[in-house]
Amino acid sequence: MLEVGNEEAVTAAALERIAGEEGLPDAERARAEGTVTADTAEALAHLVDPFDLVSEVPGVELRQASWSAERVGRDPDSPDWDLDEDDDAVAEEDGEETTVG
């Protein structure tokens, strides 16, 4: 789980990154700017490369990555928000391979 504390800053950073991409066709640049402006998760995806996150981890090969986001009303003090609750079930279902999504 990731909490974005300043959506405007994330969007601005993504727009800056897009502006600095040399050789990007104008139509694609406009589409990318519209996408990151409309969706903070898309802006974050322009800033964070999942392959870079795990490229140096021994024994790990990232074959596919995807982003998903949803707004949730999270109360970190609530006992209903035990973030480790589902981890064991996922590991048991997957056998030797663990899927992180």
C-alpha atoms as a PDB file:
ATOM      1  CA  MET A   1       0.000   0.000   0.000  1.00  0.00           C
ATOM      2  CA  LEU A   2       1.261   3.418  -0.903  1.00  0.00           C
ATOM      3  CA  GLU A   3      -0.112   6.688   0.339  1.00  0.00           C
ATOM      4  CA  VAL A   4       0.360   9.765  -1.812  1.00  0.00           C
ATOM      5  CA  GLY A   5       0.452  12.811   0.416  1.00  0.00           C
ATOM      6  CA  ASN A   6       0.770  15.431  -2.300  1.00  0.00           C
ATOM      7  CA  GLU A   7      -0.924  14.517  -5.569  1.00  0.00           C
ATOM      8  CA  GLU A   8      -0.040  17.854  -7.150  1.00  0.00           C
ATOM      9  CA  ALA A   9       3.684  17.301  -6.536  1.00  0.00           C
ATOM     10  CA  VAL A  10       3.535  13.809  -8.064  1.00  0.00           C
ATOM     11  CA  THR A  11       1.693  15.134 -11.118  1.00  0.00           C
ATOM     12  CA  ALA A  12       4.124  18.049 -11.508  1.00  0.00           C
ATOM     13  CA  ALA A  13       7.119  15.708 -11.328  1.00  0.00           C
ATOM     14  CA  ALA A  14       5.585  13.411 -13.960  1.00  0.00           C
ATOM     15  CA  LEU A  15       4.861  16.349 -16.252  1.00  0.00           C
ATOM     16  CA  GLU A  16       8.459  17.519 -15.838  1.00  0.00           C
ATOM     17  CA  ARG A  17       9.738  14.053 -16.724  1.00  0.00           C
ATOM     18  CA  ILE A  18       7.516  13.945 -19.837  1.00  0.00           C
ATOM     19  CA  ALA A  19       8.686  17.419 -20.892  1.00  0.00           C
ATOM     20  CA  GLY A  20      12.287  16.201 -20.685  1.00  0.00           C
ATOM     21  CA  GLU A  21      11.748  13.143 -22.876  1.00  0.00           C
ATOM     22  CA  GLU A  22      13.578  13.945 -26.088  1.00  0.00           C
ATOM     23  CA  GLY A  23      12.229  12.528 -29.315  1.00  0.00           C
ATOM     24  CA  LEU A  24       8.736  11.947 -27.945  1.00  0.00           C
ATOM     25  CA  PRO A  25       6.220  12.727 -30.706  1.00  0.00           C
ATOM     26  CA  ASP A  26       3.893  15.640 -29.933  1.00  0.00           C
ATOM     27  CA  ALA A  27       0.755  13.472 -30.067  1.00  0.00           C
ATOM     28  CA  GLU A  28       2.205  10.947 -27.627  1.00  0.00           C
ATOM     29  CA  ARG A  29       3.469  13.742 -25.356  1.00  0.00           C
ATOM     30  CA  ALA A  30      -0.016  15.296 -25.262  1.00  0.00           C
ATOM     31  CA  ARG A  31      -1.597  11.924 -24.491  1.00  0.00           C
ATOM     32  CA  ALA A  32       0.901  11.243 -21.691  1.00  0.00           C
ATOM     33  CA  GLU A  33       0.386  14.713 -20.206  1.00  0.00           C
ATOM     34  CA  GLY A  34      -3.378  14.227 -20.230  1.00  0.00           C
ATOM     35  CA  THR A  35      -3.100  10.812 -18.634  1.00  0.00           C
ATOM     36  CA  VAL A  36      -0.826  11.865 -15.767  1.00  0.00           C
ATOM     37  CA  THR A  37      -2.889  14.987 -15.141  1.00  0.00           C
ATOM     38  CA  ALA A  38      -6.099  12.962 -14.858  1.00  0.00           C
ATOM     39  CA  ASP A  39      -4.757  10.086 -12.721  1.00  0.00           C
ATOM     40  CA  THR A  40      -2.191  10.216  -9.919  1.00  0.00           C
ATOM     41  CA  ALA A  41      -1.471   6.496 -10.329  1.00  0.00           C
ATOM     42  CA  GLU A  42      -0.493   7.147 -13.952  1.00  0.00           C
ATOM     43  CA  ALA A  43       1.697  10.034 -12.830  1.00  0.00           C
ATOM     44  CA  LEU A  44       3.414   7.731 -10.353  1.00  0.00           C
ATOM     45  CA  ALA A  45       3.864   5.110 -13.073  1.00  0.00           C
ATOM     46  CA  HIS A  46       5.794   7.683 -15.128  1.00  0.00           C
ATOM     47  CA  LEU A  47       8.133   8.272 -12.190  1.00  0.00           C
ATOM     48  CA  VAL A  48       8.719   4.752 -10.853  1.00  0.00           C
ATOM     49  CA  ASP A  49       9.953   1.918 -13.029  1.00  0.00           C
ATOM     50  CA  PRO A  50       9.003  -1.457 -11.486  1.00  0.00           C
ATOM     51  CA  PHE A  51      11.894  -3.128 -13.299  1.00  0.00           C
ATOM     52  CA  ASP A  52      14.345  -0.775 -11.572  1.00  0.00           C
ATOM     53  CA  LEU A  53      12.825  -1.612  -8.193  1.00  0.00           C
ATOM     54  CA  VAL A  54      13.752  -5.298  -8.392  1.00  0.00           C
ATOM     55  CA  SER A  55      16.536  -5.440 -10.982  1.00  0.00           C
ATOM     56  CA  GLU A  56      19.259  -5.819  -8.347  1.00  0.00           C
ATOM     57  CA  VAL A  57      17.428  -8.410  -6.213  1.00  0.00           C
ATOM     58  CA  PRO A  58      19.139 -11.816  -6.562  1.00  0.00           C
ATOM     59  CA  GLY A  59      16.913 -14.580  -7.872  1.00  0.00           C
ATOM     60  CA  VAL A  60      14.157 -12.247  -9.070  1.00  0.00           C
ATOM     61  CA  GLU A  61      13.187 -11.685 -12.679  1.00  0.00           C
ATOM     62  CA  LEU A  62      10.295  -9.321 -13.277  1.00  0.00           C
ATOM     63  CA  ARG A  63       8.384 -10.570 -16.286  1.00  0.00           C
ATOM     64  CA  GLN A  64       5.414  -8.235 -16.194  1.00  0.00           C
ATOM     65  CA  ALA A  65       4.338  -5.285 -14.103  1.00  0.00           C
ATOM     66  CA  SER A  66       1.102  -3.399 -13.814  1.00  0.00           C
ATOM     67  CA  TRP A  67      -0.325  -0.601 -11.729  1.00  0.00           C
ATOM     68  CA  SER A  68      -3.664  -0.332 -10.081  1.00  0.00           C
ATOM     69  CA  ALA A  69      -4.981   2.253  -7.701  1.00  0.00           C
ATOM     70  CA  GLU A  70      -8.060   2.956  -5.711  1.00  0.00           C
ATOM     71  CA  ARG A  71      -8.957   5.458  -3.066  1.00  0.00           C
ATOM     72  CA  VAL A  72      -9.548   3.946   0.346  1.00  0.00           C
ATOM     73  CA  GLY A  73     -10.495   5.389   3.684  1.00  0.00           C
ATOM     74  CA  ARG A  74      -7.610   3.982   5.700  1.00  0.00           C
ATOM     75  CA  ASP A  75      -7.427   4.311   9.461  1.00  0.00           C
ATOM     76  CA  PRO A  76      -3.988   3.030  10.535  1.00  0.00           C
ATOM     77  CA  ASP A  77      -5.184   2.758  14.156  1.00  0.00           C
ATOM     78  CA  SER A  78      -8.100   0.489  13.264  1.00  0.00           C
ATOM     79  CA  PRO A  79      -7.662  -3.244  13.941  1.00  0.00           C
ATOM     80  CA  ASP A  80      -9.512  -3.848  10.650  1.00  0.00           C
ATOM     81  CA  TRP A  81      -6.422  -2.646   8.772  1.00  0.00           C
ATOM     82  CA  ASP A  82      -4.030  -5.526   9.422  1.00  0.00           C
ATOM     83  CA  LEU A  83      -1.931  -5.281   6.264  1.00  0.00           C
ATOM     84  CA  ASP A  84      -0.250  -8.663   6.808  1.00  0.00           C
ATOM     85  CA  GLU A  85      -3.546 -10.521   7.143  1.00  0.00           C
ATOM     86  CA  ASP A  86      -3.696 -11.881   3.553  1.00  0.00           C
ATOM     87  CA  ASP A  87       0.026 -12.502   3.035  1.00  0.00           C
ATOM     88  CA  ASP A  88      -0.003 -16.101   4.306  1.00  0.00           C
ATOM     89  CA  ALA A  89      -3.036 -17.064   2.212  1.00  0.00           C
ATOM     90  CA  VAL A  90      -1.448 -15.726  -0.992  1.00  0.00           C
ATOM     91  CA  ALA A  91       1.816 -17.590  -0.332  1.00  0.00           C
ATOM     92  CA  GLU A  92      -0.061 -20.858   0.320  1.00  0.00           C
ATOM     93  CA  GLU A  93      -2.175 -20.535  -2.829  1.00  0.00           C
ATOM     94  CA  ASP A  94       0.838 -19.884  -5.052  1.00  0.00           C
ATOM     95  CA  GLY A  95       2.974 -22.764  -3.813  1.00  0.00           C
ATOM     96  CA  GLU A  96       6.619 -22.020  -4.538  1.00  0.00           C
ATOM     97  CA  GLU A  97       5.976 -18.862  -6.527  1.00  0.00           C
ATOM     98  CA  THR A  98       4.737 -15.751  -4.812  1.00  0.00           C
ATOM     99  CA  THR A  99       2.845 -13.214  -6.865  1.00  0.00           C
ATOM    100  CA  VAL A 100       3.067  -9.573  -5.906  1.00  0.00           C
ATOM    101  CA  GLY A 101       0.526  -7.326  -7.561  1.00  0.00           C
END
